[in-house]
Protein backbone atom coordinates (compact mmCIF):
# COMPACT_ATOMS: atom_id res chain seq x y z
CA MET A 1 -74.60 87.55 -19.43
CA THR A 2 -78.23 86.32 -19.46
CA LEU A 3 -79.92 83.30 -20.97
CA ALA A 4 -81.39 85.55 -23.68
CA THR A 5 -77.92 86.55 -24.87
CA VAL A 6 -76.20 83.15 -24.67
CA ALA A 7 -74.73 82.12 -28.02
CA PRO A 8 -74.89 78.49 -29.23
CA ILE A 9 -71.83 76.48 -28.17
CA GLU A 10 -69.20 75.18 -30.56
CA ARG A 11 -69.36 71.59 -31.80
CA ARG A 12 -66.70 70.11 -29.55
CA PRO A 13 -67.69 67.28 -27.15
CA LEU A 14 -71.12 68.61 -26.41
CA HIS A 15 -71.49 67.73 -22.76
CA ALA A 16 -68.05 69.23 -22.03
CA ALA A 17 -68.97 72.45 -23.82
CA ALA A 18 -72.33 72.54 -22.03
CA ILE A 19 -70.58 72.09 -18.67
CA ASP A 20 -68.29 75.06 -19.34
CA ARG A 21 -71.17 77.32 -20.39
CA LEU A 22 -73.51 76.33 -17.57
CA ARG A 23 -70.73 76.56 -14.99
CA ASP A 24 -70.00 80.13 -16.09
CA LEU A 25 -73.69 81.06 -15.92
CA ILE A 26 -73.92 79.69 -12.38
CA LEU A 27 -70.65 81.24 -11.20
CA GLN A 28 -71.58 84.64 -12.61
CA GLY A 29 -75.04 84.55 -11.05
CA SER A 30 -77.03 84.48 -14.31
CA LEU A 31 -78.46 81.24 -12.95
CA ALA A 32 -79.06 81.79 -9.25
CA PRO A 33 -79.24 79.25 -6.39
CA GLY A 34 -82.59 77.48 -6.54
CA ASP A 35 -83.29 78.36 -10.18
CA ARG A 36 -84.89 75.54 -12.17
CA LEU A 37 -82.76 74.42 -15.11
CA ASN A 38 -85.37 74.33 -17.85
CA GLU A 39 -84.21 71.75 -20.38
CA ARG A 40 -86.29 73.14 -23.24
CA VAL A 41 -84.96 76.67 -22.78
CA LEU A 42 -81.37 75.58 -22.31
CA THR A 43 -81.31 73.23 -25.30
CA GLU A 44 -82.61 76.06 -27.47
CA ARG A 45 -80.19 78.67 -26.11
CA LEU A 46 -77.13 76.40 -26.23
CA GLY A 47 -78.00 74.70 -29.52
CA ILE A 48 -77.67 71.14 -28.18
CA SER A 49 -79.94 68.17 -27.53
CA ARG A 50 -81.17 67.00 -24.15
CA THR A 51 -78.73 64.07 -23.92
CA PRO A 52 -75.49 66.14 -23.58
CA LEU A 53 -77.37 68.66 -21.45
CA ARG A 54 -78.43 65.98 -18.97
CA GLU A 55 -74.88 64.60 -18.90
CA ALA A 56 -73.66 68.11 -18.08
CA PHE A 57 -76.19 68.30 -15.23
CA LYS A 58 -74.80 65.06 -13.75
CA LEU A 59 -71.20 66.25 -13.85
CA LEU A 60 -72.06 69.69 -12.45
CA ALA A 61 -73.96 67.94 -9.67
CA ALA A 62 -70.70 66.19 -8.76
CA GLU A 63 -69.13 69.67 -8.46
CA GLY A 64 -71.90 70.79 -6.12
CA LEU A 65 -73.26 73.35 -8.58
CA VAL A 66 -76.41 71.51 -9.63
CA GLU A 67 -78.93 69.51 -7.61
CA LEU A 68 -80.77 66.65 -9.35
CA LEU A 69 -84.37 66.23 -8.18
CA PRO A 70 -85.99 62.80 -8.77
CA HIS A 71 -88.69 63.11 -11.48
CA ARG A 72 -88.47 66.92 -11.27
CA GLY A 73 -85.36 67.76 -13.30
CA ALA A 74 -82.52 69.86 -11.95
CA ILE A 75 -81.98 73.15 -10.15
CA VAL A 76 -78.97 75.31 -9.35
CA ALA A 77 -77.77 73.97 -6.01
CA PRO A 78 -78.49 76.27 -3.05
CA LEU A 79 -75.50 77.55 -1.11
CA ASN A 80 -75.16 75.86 2.27
CA ALA A 81 -73.07 77.91 4.68
CA GLY A 82 -72.39 74.99 7.02
CA ARG A 83 -71.24 72.72 4.23
CA LEU A 84 -69.06 75.50 2.81
CA ARG A 85 -67.36 76.03 6.16
CA GLU A 86 -66.55 72.33 6.43
CA THR A 87 -65.22 72.17 2.88
CA LEU A 88 -63.17 75.34 3.28
CA ALA A 89 -61.60 74.03 6.49
CA VAL A 90 -60.28 70.99 4.61
CA LEU A 91 -59.31 73.07 1.59
CA GLY A 92 -57.38 75.47 3.83
CA ALA A 93 -55.38 72.56 5.23
CA LEU A 94 -54.59 71.42 1.70
CA GLU A 95 -53.51 74.95 0.76
CA THR A 96 -50.93 74.98 3.56
CA LEU A 97 -49.54 71.61 2.45
CA ILE A 98 -49.38 72.80 -1.16
CA GLY A 99 -47.48 75.93 -0.09
CA GLU A 100 -44.89 73.84 1.72
CA LEU A 101 -44.46 71.17 -0.96
CA VAL A 102 -44.52 73.39 -4.04
CA CYS A 103 -41.51 75.37 -2.81
CA ALA A 104 -39.58 72.15 -2.36
CA HIS A 105 -40.63 70.30 -5.50
CA ALA A 106 -41.71 72.74 -8.21
CA THR A 107 -39.43 72.91 -11.22
CA ASP A 108 -38.16 76.25 -12.48
CA ASP A 109 -40.32 75.74 -15.58
CA ALA A 110 -43.43 75.24 -13.46
CA ILE A 111 -42.70 78.41 -11.51
CA GLY A 112 -42.21 80.23 -14.80
CA GLU A 113 -45.62 79.02 -16.01
CA ILE A 114 -47.26 80.22 -12.81
CA ARG A 115 -45.52 83.59 -13.15
CA ALA A 116 -46.82 83.94 -16.72
CA LEU A 117 -50.37 83.10 -15.60
CA HIS A 118 -50.01 85.67 -12.83
CA PHE A 119 -49.15 88.46 -15.26
CA GLU A 120 -52.06 87.47 -17.51
CA MET A 121 -54.33 87.51 -14.47
CA ARG A 122 -53.08 90.97 -13.50
CA ALA A 123 -53.82 92.21 -17.02
CA ALA A 124 -57.39 90.86 -16.76
CA HIS A 125 -57.75 92.66 -13.42
CA ALA A 126 -56.53 95.90 -14.98
CA ARG A 127 -59.22 95.50 -17.69
CA ARG A 128 -61.78 94.72 -14.94
CA ASP A 129 -62.48 91.47 -16.79
CA LEU A 130 -63.76 89.44 -13.87
CA SER A 131 -64.57 86.30 -15.85
CA GLY A 132 -61.15 86.22 -17.53
CA TYR A 133 -59.46 87.02 -14.24
CA PHE A 134 -61.24 84.22 -12.44
CA HIS A 135 -60.34 81.57 -15.02
CA LEU A 136 -56.66 82.57 -14.76
CA ASN A 137 -56.86 82.71 -10.97
CA GLN A 138 -58.21 79.17 -10.84
CA ALA A 139 -55.52 78.02 -13.28
CA ILE A 140 -52.84 79.42 -10.94
CA HIS A 141 -54.22 77.63 -7.89
CA LEU A 142 -54.53 74.34 -9.76
CA ARG A 143 -51.03 74.70 -11.21
CA LEU A 144 -49.65 75.29 -7.70
CA ALA A 145 -51.31 72.05 -6.57
CA GLU A 146 -49.96 70.12 -9.57
CA ALA A 147 -46.45 71.50 -9.10
CA ALA A 148 -46.36 70.33 -5.47
CA GLY A 149 -45.31 66.88 -6.65
CA ASN A 150 -48.10 64.86 -5.03
CA ALA A 151 -50.73 63.51 -7.43
CA VAL A 152 -53.19 62.54 -4.66
CA LEU A 153 -52.96 66.02 -3.17
CA ALA A 154 -53.54 67.65 -6.57
CA GLN A 155 -56.57 65.46 -7.33
CA THR A 156 -58.13 66.00 -3.89
CA TYR A 157 -57.57 69.74 -4.14
CA ARG A 158 -59.14 69.87 -7.60
CA GLN A 159 -62.25 68.04 -6.43
CA LEU A 160 -62.77 70.13 -3.29
CA ASN A 161 -62.02 73.40 -5.05
CA ALA A 162 -64.76 72.64 -7.59
CA ASN A 163 -67.25 72.57 -4.72
CA VAL A 164 -66.39 76.10 -3.53
CA ARG A 165 -65.77 77.73 -6.90
CA ARG A 166 -68.93 79.80 -6.64
CA VAL A 167 -67.81 81.27 -3.31
CA ARG A 168 -64.38 82.13 -4.69
CA TYR A 169 -65.98 83.89 -7.65
CA MET A 170 -68.52 85.72 -5.48
CA ALA A 171 -65.78 87.08 -3.23
CA ASN A 172 -64.41 89.08 -6.15
CA LEU A 173 -67.74 90.86 -6.65
CA SER A 174 -66.50 93.28 -4.00
CA PRO A 175 -64.04 95.64 -5.75
CA GLN A 176 -62.08 96.09 -2.52
CA ARG A 177 -61.78 92.33 -1.99
CA TRP A 178 -60.82 91.81 -5.64
CA ASP A 179 -58.03 94.41 -5.41
CA ALA A 180 -56.81 92.90 -2.14
CA ALA A 181 -56.79 89.41 -3.70
CA VAL A 182 -54.48 90.63 -6.47
CA ARG A 183 -52.07 92.07 -3.92
CA GLU A 184 -52.12 88.77 -2.06
CA HIS A 185 -51.28 86.96 -5.30
CA ASP A 186 -48.31 89.29 -5.78
CA ALA A 187 -47.01 88.18 -2.38
CA ILE A 188 -47.72 84.52 -3.18
CA LEU A 189 -45.66 84.76 -6.37
CA ASP A 190 -42.79 86.45 -4.51
CA CYS A 191 -42.70 83.66 -1.91
CA LEU A 192 -42.87 80.98 -4.58
CA THR A 193 -40.00 82.57 -6.50
CA ALA A 194 -37.96 82.70 -3.27
CA ARG A 195 -39.06 79.13 -2.43
CA ASP A 196 -40.09 80.28 1.02
CA GLY A 197 -42.37 77.40 1.97
CA VAL A 198 -43.03 78.55 5.53
CA ARG A 199 -44.31 81.93 4.42
CA LEU A 200 -46.11 80.62 1.33
CA LYS A 201 -48.23 78.08 3.19
CA ALA A 202 -49.35 80.84 5.58
CA LEU A 203 -50.15 83.20 2.69
CA LEU A 204 -52.21 80.61 0.82
CA SER A 205 -54.23 79.80 3.92
CA GLU A 206 -54.83 83.48 4.69
CA HIS A 207 -55.73 84.18 1.05
CA LEU A 208 -58.47 81.55 1.11
CA ALA A 209 -59.79 82.75 4.47
CA HIS A 210 -59.96 86.39 3.35
CA LYS A 211 -61.54 85.50 0.02
CA THR A 212 -64.46 83.64 1.55
CA ALA A 213 -65.14 85.44 4.83
CA SER A 214 -67.31 88.16 3.30
CA VAL A 215 -69.39 85.66 1.33
CA LEU A 216 -70.01 83.44 4.36
CA ALA A 217 -70.99 86.51 6.38
CA ALA A 218 -73.48 87.46 3.67
CA LEU A 219 -74.94 83.95 3.69
CA ASP A 220 -75.34 84.05 7.47
CA ALA A 221 -76.89 87.53 7.54
CA PRO A 222 -80.49 86.57 6.65
CA ARG A 223 -80.55 83.87 9.30
CA GLU A 224 -79.10 86.16 11.97
CA ALA A 225 -81.59 88.89 11.12
CA ALA A 226 -84.56 86.51 11.30
């Protein structure tokens, strides 16, 4: 996907639709870290006015995807390896708590919903549909957090996860890592079905660590080589 091929968005709440489209462009790398978000170009490509576009910028800035520059507009936020490490350390701790609590508190219906999302995700992987896969993958992780039975935990997880979504997407750009992630999700579903909280919290923590290690190494490489 490139800006030249972006279709106008549907007439639902415009800033919400703009957020979804811009988020996908950033996650998929069509808009790269440091790129200026040209309002004139984006309003033309997306078929919206500047007001909902600027509202989308503000909300994406809260997710860490956009950086607002005083009197200079907005850019795609650069990736900061140090900040990512700090965020991922907290997110990893939340993942372990989710793994423990979800096995104790998830309803059978919630586990069934997660299982259905898992099979849809596997089908997207088989089609090599990375965008579709990633949306389903994120839905699974958020549903696990919601099913853990702690609203504060779910909200905190959702907010922090938004700040590392780019890294989680980038990790799947490696075919080997993508295939390994699917196998890890198979094991996660098995543990959830068995309600094995001890094993599940370890799997979720390891899954996050594996998924981001290659990206962090790539971010560090230019600095180490300098």
